[in-house]
N, C-alpha and C. Protein backbone atom coordinates (compact mmCIF):
# COMPACT_ATOMS: atom_id res chain seq x y z
N MET A 1 74.44 80.40 74.41
CA MET A 1 75.68 81.04 74.43
C MET A 1 75.92 81.68 75.82
N THR A 2 77.01 81.42 76.45
CA THR A 2 77.37 81.86 77.73
C THR A 2 78.17 83.15 77.69
N SER A 3 77.86 84.14 78.40
CA SER A 3 78.61 85.45 78.40
C SER A 3 79.60 85.37 79.52
N THR A 4 80.70 86.04 79.33
CA THR A 4 81.78 86.18 80.39
C THR A 4 81.31 87.27 81.32
N PRO A 5 81.62 87.13 82.61
CA PRO A 5 81.25 88.16 83.53
C PRO A 5 82.03 89.41 83.29
N ASP A 6 81.31 90.53 83.54
CA ASP A 6 81.84 91.91 83.31
C ASP A 6 82.93 92.08 84.38
N SER A 7 84.16 92.50 83.92
CA SER A 7 85.28 92.78 84.81
C SER A 7 84.98 93.77 85.95
N SER A 8 84.13 94.68 85.64
CA SER A 8 83.79 95.70 86.68
C SER A 8 82.95 95.05 87.80
N ALA A 9 82.32 93.90 87.55
CA ALA A 9 81.56 93.20 88.52
C ALA A 9 82.40 92.22 89.36
N ILE A 10 83.51 91.84 88.76
CA ILE A 10 84.39 90.87 89.45
C ILE A 10 85.11 91.54 90.65
N ALA A 11 85.63 92.68 90.44
CA ALA A 11 86.35 93.38 91.51
C ALA A 11 85.59 93.52 92.90
N PRO A 12 84.38 93.94 92.76
CA PRO A 12 83.61 94.05 94.05
C PRO A 12 83.38 92.66 94.75
N ARG A 13 83.04 91.73 93.94
CA ARG A 13 82.86 90.33 94.44
C ARG A 13 84.14 89.77 95.04
N LEU A 14 85.25 89.97 94.32
CA LEU A 14 86.53 89.58 94.88
C LEU A 14 86.85 90.27 96.25
N GLY A 15 86.55 91.58 96.18
CA GLY A 15 86.71 92.34 97.45
C GLY A 15 85.83 91.83 98.58
N GLN A 16 84.61 91.48 98.29
CA GLN A 16 83.73 90.94 99.33
C GLN A 16 84.30 89.54 99.80
N TRP A 17 84.76 88.73 98.87
CA TRP A 17 85.40 87.45 99.22
C TRP A 17 86.59 87.61 100.14
N LEU A 18 87.43 88.67 99.86
CA LEU A 18 88.56 88.97 100.71
C LEU A 18 88.09 89.40 102.10
N GLU A 19 87.02 90.11 102.21
CA GLU A 19 86.49 90.54 103.51
C GLU A 19 86.05 89.38 104.30
N ASP A 20 85.40 88.36 103.57
CA ASP A 20 84.89 87.18 104.22
C ASP A 20 86.10 86.28 104.67
N TYR A 21 87.06 86.19 103.94
CA TYR A 21 88.25 85.36 104.22
C TYR A 21 89.46 86.23 104.48
N ASN A 22 89.38 87.00 105.55
CA ASN A 22 90.42 88.01 105.85
C ASN A 22 91.82 87.38 106.11
N GLU A 23 91.92 86.07 106.45
CA GLU A 23 93.11 85.42 106.68
C GLU A 23 93.97 85.45 105.39
N ILE A 24 93.33 85.28 104.26
CA ILE A 24 94.01 85.29 103.02
C ILE A 24 94.65 86.62 102.76
N ALA A 25 93.85 87.67 103.05
CA ALA A 25 94.40 89.03 102.85
C ALA A 25 95.56 89.31 103.73
N THR A 26 95.64 88.68 104.88
CA THR A 26 96.76 88.83 105.79
C THR A 26 98.00 88.07 105.25
N ILE A 27 97.81 86.90 104.77
CA ILE A 27 98.92 86.07 104.33
C ILE A 27 99.38 86.45 102.97
N LEU A 28 98.56 86.81 102.10
CA LEU A 28 98.94 87.00 100.65
C LEU A 28 100.10 88.00 100.46
N PRO A 29 100.12 89.17 101.17
CA PRO A 29 101.23 90.12 100.92
C PRO A 29 102.57 89.52 101.37
N VAL A 30 102.61 88.82 102.46
CA VAL A 30 103.80 88.16 102.95
C VAL A 30 104.32 87.09 101.94
N LEU A 31 103.37 86.23 101.55
CA LEU A 31 103.72 85.23 100.59
C LEU A 31 104.27 85.81 99.23
N ALA A 32 103.61 86.86 98.78
CA ALA A 32 104.03 87.52 97.50
C ALA A 32 105.41 88.05 97.63
N GLY A 33 105.72 88.76 98.81
CA GLY A 33 107.04 89.26 99.00
C GLY A 33 108.05 88.18 99.14
N LEU A 34 107.75 87.11 99.87
CA LEU A 34 108.70 85.97 99.99
C LEU A 34 108.96 85.27 98.68
N LEU A 35 107.86 85.08 97.93
CA LEU A 35 107.95 84.38 96.63
C LEU A 35 108.85 85.22 95.72
N ALA A 36 108.67 86.52 95.71
CA ALA A 36 109.53 87.38 94.78
C ALA A 36 110.98 87.34 95.16
N THR A 37 111.28 87.45 96.49
CA THR A 37 112.71 87.43 96.92
C THR A 37 113.30 86.06 96.73
N SER A 38 112.53 84.99 96.91
CA SER A 38 113.11 83.64 96.71
C SER A 38 113.36 83.35 95.24
N ARG A 39 112.36 83.76 94.38
CA ARG A 39 112.50 83.55 92.97
C ARG A 39 113.69 84.33 92.33
N LEU A 40 113.84 85.59 92.87
CA LEU A 40 114.95 86.40 92.39
C LEU A 40 116.27 86.08 93.11
N ARG A 41 116.19 85.17 94.07
CA ARG A 41 117.35 84.73 94.81
C ARG A 41 118.04 85.99 95.53
N LEU A 42 117.30 86.82 96.05
CA LEU A 42 117.83 87.97 96.80
C LEU A 42 118.06 87.71 98.23
N ARG A 43 119.11 88.31 98.78
CA ARG A 43 119.39 88.14 100.18
C ARG A 43 119.75 89.53 100.75
N GLY A 44 119.65 89.61 102.04
CA GLY A 44 120.09 90.80 102.78
C GLY A 44 119.20 92.04 102.53
N ALA A 45 119.86 93.19 102.32
CA ALA A 45 119.12 94.47 102.18
C ALA A 45 118.30 94.43 100.92
N GLN A 46 118.76 93.89 99.85
CA GLN A 46 118.02 93.86 98.60
C GLN A 46 116.71 93.06 98.83
N ALA A 47 116.82 91.85 99.50
CA ALA A 47 115.71 91.08 99.74
C ALA A 47 114.64 91.78 100.57
N LEU A 48 115.12 92.54 101.65
CA LEU A 48 114.29 93.25 102.50
C LEU A 48 113.51 94.34 101.73
N LEU A 49 114.26 95.12 100.87
CA LEU A 49 113.55 96.20 100.12
C LEU A 49 112.56 95.63 99.14
N VAL A 50 112.90 94.61 98.38
CA VAL A 50 111.90 93.98 97.49
C VAL A 50 110.71 93.41 98.20
N ASN A 51 111.01 92.71 99.32
CA ASN A 51 109.90 92.11 100.13
C ASN A 51 108.95 93.18 100.59
N LEU A 52 109.45 94.26 101.16
CA LEU A 52 108.62 95.34 101.66
C LEU A 52 107.88 96.00 100.48
N LEU A 53 108.47 96.21 99.36
CA LEU A 53 107.82 96.81 98.22
C LEU A 53 106.70 95.94 97.67
N ILE A 54 106.97 94.70 97.46
CA ILE A 54 105.94 93.78 96.93
C ILE A 54 104.83 93.65 97.94
N ALA A 55 105.14 93.48 99.23
CA ALA A 55 104.04 93.34 100.24
C ALA A 55 103.19 94.55 100.29
N ALA A 56 103.82 95.79 100.22
CA ALA A 56 103.09 97.03 100.22
C ALA A 56 102.16 97.15 99.01
N LEU A 57 102.63 96.80 97.88
CA LEU A 57 101.81 96.88 96.68
C LEU A 57 100.60 95.92 96.71
N VAL A 58 100.93 94.72 97.23
CA VAL A 58 99.85 93.68 97.34
C VAL A 58 98.78 94.17 98.32
N ARG A 59 99.25 94.71 99.45
CA ARG A 59 98.31 95.20 100.56
C ARG A 59 97.45 96.31 99.92
N GLN A 60 98.08 97.23 99.13
CA GLN A 60 97.36 98.28 98.46
C GLN A 60 96.26 97.77 97.55
N VAL A 61 96.60 96.79 96.70
CA VAL A 61 95.65 96.18 95.80
C VAL A 61 94.54 95.50 96.55
N LEU A 62 94.94 94.71 97.55
CA LEU A 62 93.81 94.06 98.39
C LEU A 62 92.96 95.05 99.10
N GLY A 63 93.57 96.17 99.62
CA GLY A 63 92.78 97.23 100.23
C GLY A 63 91.74 97.81 99.26
N ASN A 64 92.17 98.11 98.03
CA ASN A 64 91.27 98.64 97.00
C ASN A 64 90.20 97.62 96.69
N LEU A 65 90.54 96.41 96.56
CA LEU A 65 89.53 95.40 96.30
C LEU A 65 88.58 95.32 97.42
N LYS A 66 89.00 95.34 98.69
CA LYS A 66 88.11 95.23 99.82
C LYS A 66 87.13 96.46 99.82
N GLN A 67 87.70 97.67 99.53
CA GLN A 67 86.82 98.85 99.47
C GLN A 67 85.75 98.64 98.42
N GLN A 68 86.02 98.10 97.27
CA GLN A 68 85.07 97.86 96.31
C GLN A 68 84.05 96.78 96.72
N GLY A 69 84.57 95.83 97.52
CA GLY A 69 83.67 94.81 98.04
C GLY A 69 82.69 95.35 99.08
N GLN A 70 83.14 96.39 99.81
CA GLN A 70 82.23 97.07 100.80
C GLN A 70 81.17 97.81 100.14
N SER A 71 81.29 98.07 98.87
CA SER A 71 80.25 98.89 98.21
C SER A 71 79.05 97.99 97.76
N LEU A 72 79.23 96.64 97.83
CA LEU A 72 78.09 95.76 97.55
C LEU A 72 77.01 95.98 98.53
N THR A 73 75.80 95.94 98.07
CA THR A 73 74.66 95.99 98.99
C THR A 73 74.44 94.61 99.59
N PRO A 74 73.74 94.49 100.74
CA PRO A 74 73.56 93.18 101.31
C PRO A 74 72.95 92.18 100.36
N ALA A 75 72.07 92.60 99.46
CA ALA A 75 71.46 91.72 98.52
C ALA A 75 72.48 91.20 97.49
N GLU A 76 73.47 92.02 97.19
CA GLU A 76 74.51 91.65 96.19
C GLU A 76 75.63 90.75 96.81
N ALA A 77 75.80 90.85 98.07
CA ALA A 77 76.87 90.13 98.81
C ALA A 77 76.60 88.66 98.60
N PRO A 78 77.66 87.87 98.30
CA PRO A 78 77.49 86.43 98.09
C PRO A 78 76.83 85.73 99.25
N ASN A 79 77.23 86.05 100.49
CA ASN A 79 76.65 85.35 101.59
C ASN A 79 75.75 86.15 102.50
N GLY A 80 75.51 87.39 102.07
CA GLY A 80 74.61 88.31 102.79
C GLY A 80 75.06 88.69 104.17
N ASP A 81 76.39 88.61 104.49
CA ASP A 81 76.88 88.94 105.76
C ASP A 81 77.16 90.40 106.07
N SER A 82 76.69 91.27 105.26
CA SER A 82 76.94 92.66 105.52
C SER A 82 76.16 93.20 106.66
N THR A 83 76.58 94.29 107.23
CA THR A 83 75.82 94.91 108.28
C THR A 83 74.61 95.65 107.63
N PRO A 84 73.71 96.07 108.39
CA PRO A 84 72.47 96.66 107.80
C PRO A 84 72.76 97.89 106.86
N ASN A 85 73.85 98.67 107.17
CA ASN A 85 74.14 99.82 106.39
C ASN A 85 75.00 99.44 105.13
N GLY A 86 75.36 98.15 104.98
CA GLY A 86 76.10 97.67 103.79
C GLY A 86 77.61 97.84 104.02
N HIS A 87 78.11 98.22 105.14
CA HIS A 87 79.52 98.31 105.39
C HIS A 87 80.04 97.14 106.13
N ALA A 88 81.29 96.83 105.96
CA ALA A 88 81.94 95.76 106.69
C ALA A 88 82.06 96.18 108.14
N THR A 89 82.34 95.21 108.97
CA THR A 89 82.52 95.39 110.42
C THR A 89 83.94 95.92 110.62
N ALA A 90 84.12 96.52 111.81
CA ALA A 90 85.46 97.12 112.09
C ALA A 90 86.55 96.05 112.18
N ALA A 91 86.20 94.84 112.56
CA ALA A 91 87.16 93.78 112.72
C ALA A 91 87.84 93.46 111.34
N SER A 92 87.02 93.57 110.23
CA SER A 92 87.62 93.32 108.97
C SER A 92 88.32 94.46 108.28
N GLN A 93 88.37 95.61 108.99
CA GLN A 93 89.03 96.81 108.48
C GLN A 93 90.28 97.05 109.20
N ASP A 94 90.87 96.05 109.86
CA ASP A 94 92.07 96.19 110.66
C ASP A 94 93.19 96.84 109.76
N PRO A 95 93.99 97.72 110.35
CA PRO A 95 95.16 98.21 109.54
C PRO A 95 96.15 97.06 109.31
N GLU A 96 97.14 97.37 108.61
CA GLU A 96 98.24 96.41 108.38
C GLU A 96 98.69 95.68 109.62
N ASP A 97 98.69 94.38 109.66
CA ASP A 97 98.98 93.64 110.86
C ASP A 97 100.37 93.76 111.28
N TYR A 98 101.37 93.81 110.28
CA TYR A 98 102.74 93.91 110.69
C TYR A 98 103.55 94.20 109.43
N THR A 99 104.81 94.65 109.68
CA THR A 99 105.80 94.92 108.52
C THR A 99 107.14 94.29 109.00
N ILE A 100 107.87 93.88 108.08
CA ILE A 100 109.27 93.41 108.33
C ILE A 100 110.11 94.62 108.34
N VAL A 101 110.75 94.86 109.54
CA VAL A 101 111.65 96.01 109.59
C VAL A 101 113.07 95.64 109.17
N HIS A 102 113.50 94.46 109.58
CA HIS A 102 114.83 93.97 109.34
C HIS A 102 114.83 92.49 109.28
N SER A 103 115.60 91.92 108.37
CA SER A 103 115.63 90.48 108.35
C SER A 103 117.00 90.02 107.73
N VAL A 104 117.74 89.16 108.47
CA VAL A 104 118.89 88.37 108.03
C VAL A 104 118.70 87.01 108.50
N PRO A 105 119.36 86.03 107.86
CA PRO A 105 119.24 84.73 108.35
C PRO A 105 119.52 84.57 109.82
N GLY A 106 118.56 83.99 110.56
CA GLY A 106 118.70 83.85 111.99
C GLY A 106 118.07 84.96 112.80
N ARG A 107 117.73 86.10 112.20
CA ARG A 107 117.20 87.20 112.94
C ARG A 107 116.16 87.93 112.09
N ILE A 108 115.15 88.37 112.79
CA ILE A 108 114.12 89.19 112.08
C ILE A 108 113.43 90.10 113.13
N ARG A 109 113.14 91.32 112.63
CA ARG A 109 112.51 92.31 113.43
C ARG A 109 111.18 92.70 112.71
N LEU A 110 110.04 92.56 113.42
CA LEU A 110 108.76 92.95 112.90
C LEU A 110 108.12 94.15 113.58
N ARG A 111 107.49 95.00 112.90
CA ARG A 111 106.70 96.11 113.49
C ARG A 111 105.21 95.66 113.51
N ILE A 112 104.70 95.47 114.76
CA ILE A 112 103.31 94.99 114.93
C ILE A 112 102.55 96.06 115.75
N PRO A 113 101.83 96.93 115.09
CA PRO A 113 101.11 98.03 115.76
C PRO A 113 100.27 97.58 116.94
N ARG A 114 99.73 96.42 116.90
CA ARG A 114 98.85 95.93 117.96
C ARG A 114 99.61 95.76 119.30
N LEU A 115 100.85 95.50 119.24
CA LEU A 115 101.72 95.36 120.46
C LEU A 115 101.59 96.57 121.34
N ARG A 116 101.52 97.77 120.77
CA ARG A 116 101.50 99.00 121.48
C ARG A 116 100.21 99.13 122.32
N THR A 117 99.13 98.60 121.88
CA THR A 117 97.86 98.79 122.52
C THR A 117 97.25 97.55 123.23
N ASP A 118 97.82 96.41 122.94
CA ASP A 118 97.26 95.12 123.50
C ASP A 118 98.28 94.35 124.33
N ALA A 119 98.34 94.59 125.60
CA ALA A 119 99.28 93.93 126.49
C ALA A 119 99.10 92.45 126.53
N ILE A 120 97.89 92.00 126.52
CA ILE A 120 97.58 90.56 126.60
C ILE A 120 98.09 89.83 125.36
N TYR A 121 97.86 90.50 124.21
CA TYR A 121 98.33 89.91 122.92
C TYR A 121 99.93 89.80 122.97
N ALA A 122 100.56 90.85 123.47
CA ALA A 122 101.99 90.86 123.53
C ALA A 122 102.53 89.76 124.46
N LYS A 123 101.87 89.52 125.57
CA LYS A 123 102.24 88.40 126.48
C LYS A 123 102.02 87.10 125.86
N ARG A 124 100.92 86.90 125.16
CA ARG A 124 100.66 85.62 124.46
C ARG A 124 101.75 85.37 123.42
N LEU A 125 102.04 86.33 122.61
CA LEU A 125 102.96 86.25 121.55
C LEU A 125 104.37 85.89 122.17
N GLN A 126 104.80 86.54 123.17
CA GLN A 126 106.09 86.33 123.80
C GLN A 126 106.09 84.89 124.29
N ALA A 127 105.07 84.49 125.00
CA ALA A 127 105.03 83.10 125.59
C ALA A 127 105.04 82.01 124.50
N LEU A 128 104.32 82.24 123.43
CA LEU A 128 104.35 81.19 122.32
C LEU A 128 105.71 81.13 121.65
N LEU A 129 106.40 82.28 121.50
CA LEU A 129 107.70 82.25 120.88
C LEU A 129 108.70 81.65 121.76
N VAL A 130 108.67 81.91 123.07
CA VAL A 130 109.68 81.40 124.03
C VAL A 130 109.58 79.88 124.18
N GLU A 131 108.33 79.34 124.00
CA GLU A 131 108.10 77.98 124.11
C GLU A 131 108.65 77.15 122.93
N ASP A 132 108.78 77.75 121.79
CA ASP A 132 109.20 77.09 120.60
C ASP A 132 110.70 76.78 120.62
N ALA A 133 111.05 75.55 120.30
CA ALA A 133 112.48 75.10 120.32
C ALA A 133 113.30 75.81 119.26
N ARG A 134 112.64 76.22 118.12
CA ARG A 134 113.42 76.90 117.01
C ARG A 134 113.82 78.31 117.41
N VAL A 135 113.16 78.93 118.39
CA VAL A 135 113.37 80.32 118.73
C VAL A 135 114.51 80.34 119.83
N LYS A 136 115.52 81.15 119.49
CA LYS A 136 116.63 81.30 120.47
C LYS A 136 116.27 82.40 121.48
N SER A 137 115.74 83.50 120.94
CA SER A 137 115.29 84.58 121.83
C SER A 137 114.18 85.34 121.13
N ALA A 138 113.26 85.90 121.91
CA ALA A 138 112.20 86.75 121.44
C ALA A 138 112.13 87.91 122.40
N ARG A 139 112.10 89.13 121.85
CA ARG A 139 111.97 90.28 122.67
C ARG A 139 110.85 91.21 122.10
N VAL A 140 109.90 91.50 122.89
CA VAL A 140 108.78 92.32 122.55
C VAL A 140 109.03 93.67 123.14
N ASN A 141 108.92 94.75 122.37
CA ASN A 141 109.08 96.11 122.87
C ASN A 141 107.73 96.79 122.50
N ARG A 142 106.91 96.90 123.48
CA ARG A 142 105.52 97.45 123.26
C ARG A 142 105.61 98.88 122.90
N ALA A 143 106.50 99.68 123.43
CA ALA A 143 106.60 101.12 123.21
C ALA A 143 106.90 101.34 121.70
N ALA A 144 107.73 100.43 121.16
CA ALA A 144 108.12 100.57 119.77
C ALA A 144 107.20 99.70 118.81
N ALA A 145 106.29 98.97 119.41
CA ALA A 145 105.49 98.05 118.68
C ALA A 145 106.34 97.14 117.81
N SER A 146 107.28 96.53 118.44
CA SER A 146 108.34 95.79 117.76
C SER A 146 108.47 94.45 118.38
N LEU A 147 108.84 93.43 117.54
CA LEU A 147 109.24 92.12 118.01
C LEU A 147 110.52 91.74 117.30
N ALA A 148 111.51 91.45 118.11
CA ALA A 148 112.81 91.02 117.66
C ALA A 148 112.95 89.54 117.94
N LEU A 149 113.33 88.77 116.95
CA LEU A 149 113.31 87.35 117.05
C LEU A 149 114.69 86.77 116.53
N GLN A 150 115.24 85.97 117.34
CA GLN A 150 116.45 85.23 116.95
C GLN A 150 115.97 83.76 116.88
N TYR A 151 116.31 83.11 115.79
CA TYR A 151 115.87 81.74 115.52
C TYR A 151 116.96 80.94 114.95
N ASP A 152 116.79 79.64 115.01
CA ASP A 152 117.71 78.67 114.38
C ASP A 152 117.35 78.65 112.90
N GLY A 153 118.23 79.29 112.09
CA GLY A 153 117.94 79.47 110.65
C GLY A 153 118.37 78.28 109.81
N ALA A 154 119.00 77.26 110.43
CA ALA A 154 119.51 76.11 109.68
C ALA A 154 118.30 75.34 109.04
N GLY A 155 118.30 75.29 107.75
CA GLY A 155 117.30 74.54 107.03
C GLY A 155 115.92 75.16 107.00
N VAL A 156 115.83 76.43 107.29
CA VAL A 156 114.55 77.15 107.27
C VAL A 156 114.55 78.15 106.15
N SER A 157 113.63 77.94 105.19
CA SER A 157 113.56 78.94 104.08
C SER A 157 112.77 80.15 104.53
N GLU A 158 112.88 81.21 103.79
CA GLU A 158 112.17 82.43 104.12
C GLU A 158 110.66 82.16 104.10
N LEU A 159 110.20 81.37 103.14
CA LEU A 159 108.76 81.03 103.05
C LEU A 159 108.28 80.33 104.24
N GLU A 160 109.05 79.29 104.69
CA GLU A 160 108.71 78.54 105.91
C GLU A 160 108.69 79.45 107.10
N LEU A 161 109.64 80.37 107.22
CA LEU A 161 109.68 81.25 108.37
C LEU A 161 108.44 82.18 108.31
N GLY A 162 108.13 82.72 107.14
CA GLY A 162 106.99 83.56 107.05
C GLY A 162 105.70 82.89 107.39
N LEU A 163 105.50 81.71 106.95
CA LEU A 163 104.23 80.95 107.27
C LEU A 163 104.24 80.60 108.79
N TYR A 164 105.40 80.24 109.36
CA TYR A 164 105.47 79.95 110.80
C TYR A 164 105.11 81.15 111.59
N LEU A 165 105.66 82.35 111.23
CA LEU A 165 105.36 83.52 112.01
C LEU A 165 103.90 83.91 111.90
N LEU A 166 103.34 83.76 110.73
CA LEU A 166 101.93 84.07 110.60
C LEU A 166 101.05 83.11 111.48
N GLN A 167 101.47 81.85 111.51
CA GLN A 167 100.71 80.96 112.39
C GLN A 167 100.88 81.38 113.88
N ILE A 168 102.05 81.73 114.27
CA ILE A 168 102.22 82.14 115.68
C ILE A 168 101.47 83.48 115.96
N LEU A 169 101.49 84.43 115.07
CA LEU A 169 100.75 85.63 115.22
C LEU A 169 99.20 85.42 115.31
N GLU A 170 98.69 84.54 114.53
CA GLU A 170 97.30 84.15 114.62
C GLU A 170 96.98 83.36 115.88
N GLN A 171 97.93 82.47 116.32
CA GLN A 171 97.67 81.74 117.53
C GLN A 171 97.71 82.68 118.76
N ALA A 172 98.51 83.69 118.74
CA ALA A 172 98.57 84.66 119.88
C ALA A 172 97.22 85.46 119.98
N GLU A 173 96.56 85.58 118.83
CA GLU A 173 95.27 86.34 118.86
C GLU A 173 94.14 85.43 119.55
N THR A 174 94.23 84.08 119.45
CA THR A 174 93.16 83.29 119.85
C THR A 174 93.43 82.46 121.08
N SER A 175 94.70 82.20 121.43
CA SER A 175 95.00 81.32 122.57
C SER A 175 95.08 82.04 123.89
N ALA A 176 94.86 81.35 124.91
CA ALA A 176 95.01 81.89 126.30
C ALA A 176 96.50 81.97 126.60
N PRO A 177 96.93 82.94 127.39
CA PRO A 177 98.36 82.99 127.68
C PRO A 177 98.80 81.83 128.54
N SER A 178 100.02 81.40 128.26
CA SER A 178 100.58 80.27 129.00
C SER A 178 100.97 80.71 130.41
N PRO A 179 100.77 79.81 131.42
CA PRO A 179 101.18 80.21 132.78
C PRO A 179 102.71 80.39 132.81
N VAL A 180 103.14 81.40 133.49
CA VAL A 180 104.57 81.74 133.53
C VAL A 180 105.14 81.22 134.87
């Protein structure tokens, strides 16, 4: 007879998995917010509020799960990648990557805290966006940690835009800046 796993043991393991695959924890809040607004067919201010609320709730749940995952000892961790003291590394404890400040079809403004402190990242991001044919204009304001983006919204769903922006943000982290 097979027993089902104890639910109190699942949360820490799920948290550890989220630590190991941090990209999912970055994408999931955005996808949840976009899914909720598209399923409810919300637009404008209502969509923005619901998107921010859903994304914040998902981030909070994921944060709690990650904290529980950090409580696993190295022997309990599925892949044994914990540091000697059993805590996750600083890279996996990054604060929220960005928030949507404003969004209407064809325009979006994001708050990206990293812009304030990382000039190289800001230049990479600006260069990647300017090179894209779908982007009409991209303005990075480092002092405000803000990115304002005008794009060709014809035929682009909110989900596609969200996935595209996540890809560009991730690419800006890893790519070398383009020559200007």
